[in-house]
Amino acid sequence: MPPTPQFKQRLKLAILLLLFAIVTLLHYSRFFDPRLQEIFVRDLFLAPMLLGAFWFRLSGALAVGLLTTIALIPSLHSNFRTDPYLLMVDALEIALYLTVGLALGLLRDRERRQLRQIRQAESLAAMGRAVSALAHDIKTPLMAIGGFAAQVRRHLPDQDPDAHKLDIVISQTRRLELMVREMLDFSRPVRLNPAPTDPTAMVEESLLLTEPLAAKGQVRLRAQCAEGLPRLLLDRDHLQRALLNLLANAVQASSTGSEVVVSLSCHESKPELRLEVSDQGHGIQADLRPQVFSPFFTTKREGTGLGLAIARKIVEAHGGRLEMRDNQPRGMVFSLVVPLIPAQDPA
C-alpha cells in the first residue's frame, strides 16, 4: 500500500525537526574549536531553513526562521556580553538566513501556483474537447426529435389528449437544445469583435430581455447607471451574454417580491468599467464559493452549471475579471470588470 500524502507530510516534518535539533546540538556542543564553531557550524542552520522552504514553502521558511532565531538567542546574548559589536554581525547573519529562506519560499509558492494554473488549463481544455464532442453527437438527434415533434403537433387539434404531451416534449427538447448550446459555447474559444458600444443601452436592453423571467418569479429589476458614460470598444453580443447569465442567476436566486439591481459605473482612475448585478437571495455558502466559477457546478435543480463559467471566459477575453462578494444585508453581488477603452481610442 503506497504511503498517503498525510504520511509523507508528517515524515518530512519529522526529518526537518530532527535536522534542526542536530544542528542546534552541534552549535552548542564542545566538539569543535570555538572559532570553527562560529564560522562553520552556525551556517548549518541554512540547511533546515532551505529544506523547510523547499518542502513547506513560505510557511516552512517562516517557521524555521523563527525557530532558528529562538535557538540562537543564548548565543547572541553571550556574544553581546563579550563584544557588543558581535551582536550586529550575528543579527546580519540571521537576517541573511531569513532572506534566503523567504526568497526560496516565495519562489516555491509561485511555482506551485503556476503548476496549479497549468493543470487547471489542461483540465479545462480536455473537458472542453470532451464536451464539444458530446454536444455535437447530441445536437443532431435532438434537432430531429424537436423538428418531427413540432410537425406532428401542428396536425393535432388542441383538444387531442396527446397534444399536451407533445407540447411537453417540444418544450423539454428546447431546454435540452439550450443546454447543448451552452456546452458548445463553453468548448469554443471566445473570438471578440469589438465595436463602439453604449454600455447604458446594453444594460437597458438586457433588463428588457430578462423581464419575462423576472415576472415569472415576481422579482423586480432596476438599473443604476452613471450619467455621461462614453461609448466604449466592446464586443456587445458576448458581453451582453455574460450579463444575461448573471441576471438569470440573480433572478433565480431571489425570493418572491425581492429586487435585482444592475449598476453601471466608470472608474477613470484605474481605468475600468464596472457592471454589478446584486440580488437579495440567500447568498452562497463559504465552502462552495471556490467552486462557483467551475464548469458544471450548480446548486440549482436545472441548468448545466456553465453560466458563470461562460461569463468569466467572456470577461477574461476582454482582459477583465469576474468578481463576487456579499451583498448587504443579504444576497450576492457579481461584478463584470473590463478595461475602459473609449471608442475613439485606436488602441
Protein backbone atom coordinates (compact mmCIF):
# COMPACT_ATOMS: atom_id res chain seq x y z
CA MET A 1 0.00 0.00 0.00
CA PRO A 2 1.58 3.32 -1.06
CA PRO A 3 2.09 5.98 1.63
CA THR A 4 -0.61 8.63 1.88
CA PRO A 5 0.11 12.34 1.33
CA GLN A 6 -0.53 12.96 5.05
CA PHE A 7 2.10 10.37 5.99
CA LYS A 8 4.60 11.95 3.60
CA GLN A 9 3.98 15.39 5.11
CA ARG A 10 4.48 14.06 8.64
CA LEU A 11 7.67 12.26 7.57
CA LYS A 12 9.05 15.46 6.03
CA LEU A 13 8.19 17.39 9.18
CA ALA A 14 9.91 14.78 11.37
CA ILE A 15 13.06 14.88 9.21
CA LEU A 16 13.09 18.67 9.30
CA LEU A 17 12.75 18.83 13.10
CA LEU A 18 15.40 16.15 13.53
CA LEU A 19 17.83 18.03 11.30
CA PHE A 20 17.16 21.27 13.16
CA ALA A 21 17.73 19.54 16.51
CA ILE A 22 21.04 18.06 15.28
CA VAL A 23 22.30 21.44 14.05
CA THR A 24 21.28 23.12 17.33
CA LEU A 25 23.06 20.38 19.33
CA LEU A 26 26.22 20.77 17.25
CA HIS A 27 26.10 24.54 17.67
CA TYR A 28 26.05 24.38 21.48
CA SER A 29 28.30 21.32 21.85
CA ARG A 30 32.02 21.31 22.70
CA PHE A 31 33.01 19.07 19.84
CA PHE A 32 34.60 21.82 17.75
CA ASP A 33 37.06 24.64 18.21
CA PRO A 34 35.10 27.81 19.20
CA ARG A 35 36.33 29.73 16.14
CA LEU A 36 35.41 26.87 13.81
CA GLN A 37 32.09 26.58 15.54
CA GLU A 38 31.27 30.28 14.95
CA ILE A 39 32.37 30.19 11.32
CA PHE A 40 31.12 26.80 10.14
CA VAL A 41 28.62 25.20 12.49
CA ARG A 42 26.25 28.17 12.62
CA ASP A 43 25.99 28.17 8.84
CA LEU A 44 24.49 24.70 9.09
CA PHE A 45 21.23 26.39 10.16
CA LEU A 46 20.81 27.21 6.47
CA ALA A 47 20.16 23.51 5.78
CA PRO A 48 16.85 23.21 7.71
CA MET A 49 15.92 26.73 6.54
CA LEU A 50 16.26 25.80 2.87
CA LEU A 51 14.69 22.39 3.37
CA GLY A 52 11.70 23.90 5.18
CA ALA A 53 11.21 26.44 2.39
CA PHE A 54 11.51 23.74 -0.29
CA TRP A 55 9.12 21.30 1.36
CA PHE A 56 6.62 23.63 3.07
CA ARG A 57 7.12 26.80 1.02
CA LEU A 58 6.70 30.21 2.66
CA SER A 59 5.13 28.90 5.86
CA GLY A 60 8.02 26.44 6.32
CA ALA A 61 10.61 29.18 5.80
CA LEU A 62 8.91 31.43 8.35
CA ALA A 63 8.59 28.63 10.92
CA VAL A 64 12.22 27.51 10.62
CA GLY A 65 13.40 31.12 10.65
CA LEU A 66 11.54 31.74 13.90
CA LEU A 67 12.95 28.54 15.44
CA THR A 68 16.48 29.50 14.35
CA THR A 69 16.17 32.93 15.92
CA ILE A 70 14.92 31.44 19.20
CA ALA A 71 17.68 28.80 19.19
CA LEU A 72 20.41 31.43 18.73
CA ILE A 73 19.21 33.79 21.48
CA PRO A 74 21.56 32.31 24.14
CA SER A 75 24.49 32.56 21.72
CA LEU A 76 23.58 36.14 20.81
CA HIS A 77 23.37 37.10 24.47
CA SER A 78 26.78 35.53 25.19
CA ASN A 79 28.43 37.31 22.24
CA PHE A 80 26.87 40.62 23.25
CA ARG A 81 28.38 40.33 26.70
CA THR A 82 31.78 39.54 25.16
CA ASP A 83 31.72 42.21 22.45
CA PRO A 84 28.64 44.33 21.68
CA TYR A 85 29.73 44.71 18.05
CA LEU A 86 29.32 40.96 17.56
CA LEU A 87 25.57 41.38 18.07
CA MET A 88 25.34 43.41 14.85
CA VAL A 89 27.28 40.71 12.95
CA ASP A 90 25.03 37.99 14.37
CA ALA A 91 21.91 39.98 13.52
CA LEU A 92 23.06 40.44 9.92
CA GLU A 93 23.80 36.72 9.67
CA ILE A 94 20.32 35.78 10.92
CA ALA A 95 18.78 38.34 8.56
CA LEU A 96 20.66 36.65 5.71
CA TYR A 97 19.26 33.26 6.76
CA LEU A 98 15.74 34.66 6.81
CA THR A 99 16.14 36.44 3.47
CA VAL A 100 17.39 33.33 1.70
CA GLY A 101 14.66 31.16 3.23
CA LEU A 102 11.86 33.63 2.47
CA ALA A 103 13.07 34.11 -1.10
CA LEU A 104 13.06 30.36 -1.71
CA GLY A 105 9.66 30.02 -0.01
CA LEU A 106 8.15 32.73 -2.22
CA LEU A 107 9.61 31.12 -5.32
CA ARG A 108 8.16 27.74 -4.31
CA ASP A 109 4.75 29.33 -3.70
CA ARG A 110 4.82 30.99 -7.11
CA GLU A 111 5.91 27.75 -8.75
CA ARG A 112 3.04 25.87 -7.12
CA ARG A 113 0.51 28.50 -8.24
CA GLN A 114 1.82 28.29 -11.80
CA LEU A 115 1.65 24.50 -11.79
CA ARG A 116 -1.91 24.65 -10.45
CA GLN A 117 -2.89 27.09 -13.22
CA ILE A 118 -1.27 24.88 -15.86
CA ARG A 119 -3.08 21.78 -14.57
CA GLN A 120 -6.36 23.69 -14.45
CA ALA A 121 -5.88 24.94 -18.01
CA GLU A 122 -5.07 21.43 -19.22
CA SER A 123 -8.09 20.04 -17.37
CA LEU A 124 -10.40 22.69 -18.85
CA ALA A 125 -9.00 22.07 -22.33
CA ALA A 126 -9.61 18.33 -22.03
CA MET A 127 -13.07 18.96 -20.60
CA GLY A 128 -13.82 21.36 -23.45
CA ARG A 129 -12.86 18.79 -26.07
CA ALA A 130 -14.99 16.12 -24.41
CA VAL A 131 -17.96 18.46 -24.03
CA SER A 132 -17.67 19.61 -27.65
CA ALA A 133 -17.68 16.04 -28.94
CA LEU A 134 -20.61 15.10 -26.71
CA ALA A 135 -22.63 18.19 -27.65
CA HIS A 136 -22.11 17.59 -31.38
CA ASP A 137 -23.26 13.98 -31.01
CA ILE A 138 -26.38 15.06 -29.12
CA LYS A 139 -27.26 18.04 -31.30
CA THR A 140 -28.28 16.20 -34.48
CA PRO A 141 -30.75 13.65 -32.98
CA LEU A 142 -32.11 16.36 -30.67
CA MET A 143 -32.93 18.61 -33.60
CA ALA A 144 -34.62 15.70 -35.34
CA ILE A 145 -36.73 14.93 -32.27
CA GLY A 146 -37.77 18.56 -31.88
CA GLY A 147 -38.50 19.03 -35.58
CA PHE A 148 -40.60 15.88 -36.00
CA ALA A 149 -42.47 16.55 -32.74
CA ALA A 150 -43.34 20.06 -33.92
CA GLN A 151 -44.59 18.72 -37.27
CA VAL A 152 -46.83 16.15 -35.57
CA ARG A 153 -48.11 18.80 -33.13
CA ARG A 154 -49.22 21.09 -35.97
CA HIS A 155 -51.52 18.33 -37.26
CA LEU A 156 -53.17 17.72 -33.89
CA PRO A 157 -56.07 19.82 -32.61
CA ASP A 158 -55.66 21.41 -29.21
CA GLN A 159 -58.43 19.16 -27.82
CA ASP A 160 -56.49 16.00 -28.64
CA PRO A 161 -55.32 14.28 -25.41
CA ASP A 162 -51.87 13.74 -26.96
CA ALA A 163 -51.40 17.41 -27.83
CA HIS A 164 -50.41 18.37 -24.29
CA LYS A 165 -47.89 15.53 -24.17
CA LEU A 166 -46.31 16.72 -27.41
CA ASP A 167 -46.13 20.26 -26.04
CA ILE A 168 -44.12 18.91 -23.09
CA VAL A 169 -41.81 17.01 -25.47
CA ILE A 170 -41.23 20.17 -27.55
CA SER A 171 -40.57 22.40 -24.51
CA GLN A 172 -38.16 19.90 -22.98
CA THR A 173 -36.40 19.48 -26.32
CA ARG A 174 -35.90 23.24 -26.49
CA ARG A 175 -34.47 23.19 -23.00
CA LEU A 176 -32.03 20.45 -23.99
CA GLU A 177 -31.08 22.44 -27.10
CA LEU A 178 -30.22 25.42 -24.90
CA MET A 179 -28.08 23.18 -22.71
CA VAL A 180 -26.26 21.82 -25.78
CA ARG A 181 -25.74 25.39 -26.98
CA GLU A 182 -24.20 26.30 -23.61
CA MET A 183 -21.86 23.31 -23.78
CA LEU A 184 -20.77 24.28 -27.29
CA ASP A 185 -20.22 27.89 -26.23
CA PHE A 186 -18.09 26.72 -23.32
CA SER A 187 -15.96 24.45 -25.51
CA ARG A 188 -15.28 27.07 -28.20
CA PRO A 189 -12.69 29.83 -27.84
CA VAL A 190 -14.12 33.33 -27.45
CA ARG A 191 -13.48 35.38 -30.60
CA LEU A 192 -14.15 39.04 -29.89
CA ASN A 193 -15.34 41.63 -32.40
CA PRO A 194 -15.01 44.93 -30.52
CA ALA A 195 -17.14 47.80 -31.78
CA PRO A 196 -18.32 51.16 -30.36
CA THR A 197 -20.90 50.21 -27.73
CA ASP A 198 -23.20 52.23 -25.49
CA PRO A 199 -22.99 50.34 -22.16
CA THR A 200 -26.11 52.03 -20.77
CA ALA A 201 -28.22 50.92 -23.75
CA MET A 202 -26.81 47.41 -23.41
CA VAL A 203 -27.88 47.25 -19.75
CA GLU A 204 -31.39 48.55 -20.51
CA GLU A 205 -31.85 46.04 -23.32
CA SER A 206 -30.61 43.21 -21.07
CA LEU A 207 -33.20 44.13 -18.44
CA LEU A 208 -35.96 44.01 -21.07
CA LEU A 209 -34.79 40.55 -22.15
CA THR A 210 -34.77 39.33 -18.54
CA GLU A 211 -38.17 40.84 -17.70
CA PRO A 212 -40.23 37.70 -18.56
CA LEU A 213 -38.10 35.53 -16.26
CA ALA A 214 -38.30 38.15 -13.51
CA ALA A 215 -42.08 38.47 -13.88
CA LYS A 216 -42.44 34.72 -13.59
CA GLY A 217 -40.58 34.77 -10.27
CA GLN A 218 -42.21 38.06 -9.15
CA VAL A 219 -38.82 39.77 -8.89
CA ARG A 220 -38.29 43.47 -9.61
CA LEU A 221 -35.49 44.66 -11.88
CA ARG A 222 -33.84 48.06 -11.50
CA ALA A 223 -30.90 49.78 -13.20
CA GLN A 224 -28.49 52.28 -11.66
CA CYS A 225 -26.35 53.66 -14.48
CA ALA A 226 -23.93 56.52 -14.04
CA GLU A 227 -24.60 59.51 -16.27
CA GLY A 228 -22.41 60.57 -19.14
CA LEU A 229 -20.78 57.19 -19.79
CA PRO A 230 -18.85 57.25 -23.08
CA ARG A 231 -19.18 54.76 -25.91
CA LEU A 232 -16.60 52.02 -25.42
CA LEU A 233 -14.87 49.42 -27.57
CA LEU A 234 -16.56 46.19 -26.50
CA ASP A 235 -17.95 43.04 -28.01
CA ARG A 236 -21.58 43.86 -27.28
CA ASP A 237 -23.02 40.43 -28.07
CA HIS A 238 -20.56 38.50 -25.92
CA LEU A 239 -20.65 40.95 -23.02
CA GLN A 240 -24.43 41.03 -23.08
CA ARG A 241 -24.44 37.24 -22.98
CA ALA A 242 -22.33 37.35 -19.83
CA LEU A 243 -24.64 39.97 -18.29
CA LEU A 244 -27.75 37.94 -19.14
CA ASN A 245 -26.22 34.89 -17.45
CA LEU A 246 -25.62 36.92 -14.27
CA LEU A 247 -29.13 38.37 -14.41
CA ALA A 248 -30.70 34.92 -14.83
CA ASN A 249 -28.75 33.59 -11.86
CA ALA A 250 -29.69 36.60 -9.73
CA VAL A 251 -33.40 36.32 -10.57
CA GLN A 252 -33.44 32.57 -9.89
CA ALA A 253 -31.65 33.09 -6.56
CA SER A 254 -34.06 35.85 -5.44
CA SER A 255 -37.16 35.30 -3.36
CA THR A 256 -40.62 36.49 -4.35
CA GLY A 257 -41.02 40.26 -4.03
CA SER A 258 -37.28 41.00 -3.83
CA GLU A 259 -35.24 43.17 -6.18
CA VAL A 260 -32.31 42.65 -8.53
CA VAL A 261 -30.23 45.77 -9.18
CA VAL A 262 -27.85 46.31 -12.09
CA SER A 263 -25.38 49.14 -11.53
CA LEU A 264 -23.02 50.56 -14.14
CA SER A 265 -20.13 52.83 -13.24
CA CYS A 266 -16.90 54.04 -14.75
CA HIS A 267 -13.64 54.43 -12.82
CA GLU A 268 -11.32 56.54 -14.94
CA SER A 269 -8.51 56.44 -12.37
CA LYS A 270 -7.91 52.69 -12.90
CA PRO A 271 -9.42 52.86 -15.69
CA GLU A 272 -12.23 50.28 -15.56
CA LEU A 273 -15.86 49.79 -16.43
CA ARG A 274 -17.69 48.05 -13.57
CA LEU A 275 -21.02 46.35 -14.15
CA GLU A 276 -22.55 44.86 -10.98
CA VAL A 277 -25.57 42.59 -10.53
CA SER A 278 -26.82 42.33 -6.95
CA ASP A 279 -29.59 40.14 -5.61
CA GLN A 280 -31.31 39.68 -2.26
CA GLY A 281 -31.25 35.90 -2.15
CA HIS A 282 -29.81 33.54 0.43
CA GLY A 283 -26.21 34.02 -0.73
CA ILE A 284 -23.61 31.33 -1.31
CA GLN A 285 -22.07 29.23 1.43
CA ALA A 286 -18.41 29.92 2.13
CA ASP A 287 -17.31 26.34 1.40
CA LEU A 288 -18.99 26.45 -2.04
CA ARG A 289 -17.54 29.76 -3.22
CA PRO A 290 -14.24 28.39 -4.57
CA GLN A 291 -16.27 26.18 -6.94
CA VAL A 292 -18.75 28.81 -8.14
CA PHE A 293 -16.90 29.59 -11.38
CA SER A 294 -16.03 25.95 -12.09
CA PRO A 295 -17.71 24.35 -15.13
CA PHE A 296 -20.79 22.18 -14.45
CA PHE A 297 -21.04 23.31 -10.81
CA THR A 298 -24.54 24.40 -9.84
CA THR A 299 -26.73 24.48 -6.76
CA LYS A 300 -29.93 24.63 -8.84
CA ARG A 301 -32.07 21.69 -9.85
CA GLU A 302 -31.93 22.70 -13.50
CA GLY A 303 -29.19 24.01 -15.74
CA THR A 304 -25.73 22.90 -16.80
CA GLY A 305 -23.72 24.99 -14.35
CA LEU A 306 -21.93 26.70 -17.24
CA GLY A 307 -23.47 30.18 -16.95
CA LEU A 308 -20.84 31.68 -14.66
CA ALA A 309 -18.01 29.76 -16.36
CA ILE A 310 -19.02 31.20 -19.74
CA ALA A 311 -19.42 34.70 -18.27
CA ARG A 312 -15.97 34.50 -16.73
CA LYS A 313 -14.50 33.28 -20.02
CA ILE A 314 -16.04 36.21 -21.89
CA VAL A 315 -14.88 38.80 -19.37
CA GLU A 316 -11.33 37.43 -19.29
CA ALA A 317 -11.27 37.53 -23.09
CA HIS A 318 -11.92 41.28 -22.76
CA GLY A 319 -8.91 41.50 -20.44
CA GLY A 320 -11.14 41.91 -17.38
CA ARG A 321 -12.25 39.83 -14.43
CA LEU A 322 -15.40 38.50 -12.77
CA GLU A 323 -15.66 39.21 -9.05
CA MET A 324 -18.00 38.05 -6.31
CA ARG A 325 -18.81 39.46 -2.87
CA ASP A 326 -21.57 39.54 -0.26
CA ASN A 327 -24.46 41.95 -0.65
CA GLN A 328 -25.77 43.83 2.36
CA PRO A 329 -27.87 42.90 4.23
CA ARG A 330 -28.29 39.67 2.25
CA GLY A 331 -27.60 38.18 -1.14
CA MET A 332 -24.63 38.32 -3.51
CA VAL A 333 -23.03 40.82 -5.88
CA PHE A 334 -21.32 39.70 -9.09
CA SER A 335 -19.19 42.29 -10.87
CA LEU A 336 -18.09 42.35 -14.51
CA VAL A 337 -14.96 44.49 -14.65
CA VAL A 338 -13.45 45.27 -18.07
CA PRO A 339 -10.80 47.76 -19.19
CA LEU A 340 -12.12 51.22 -20.05
CA ILE A 341 -11.30 51.76 -23.74
CA PRO A 342 -13.12 54.75 -25.32
CA ALA A 343 -14.48 54.09 -28.79
CA GLN A 344 -12.33 56.84 -30.33
CA ASP A 345 -9.15 55.33 -28.84
CA PRO A 346 -7.31 53.45 -31.64
CA ALA A 347 -5.79 51.09 -29.03
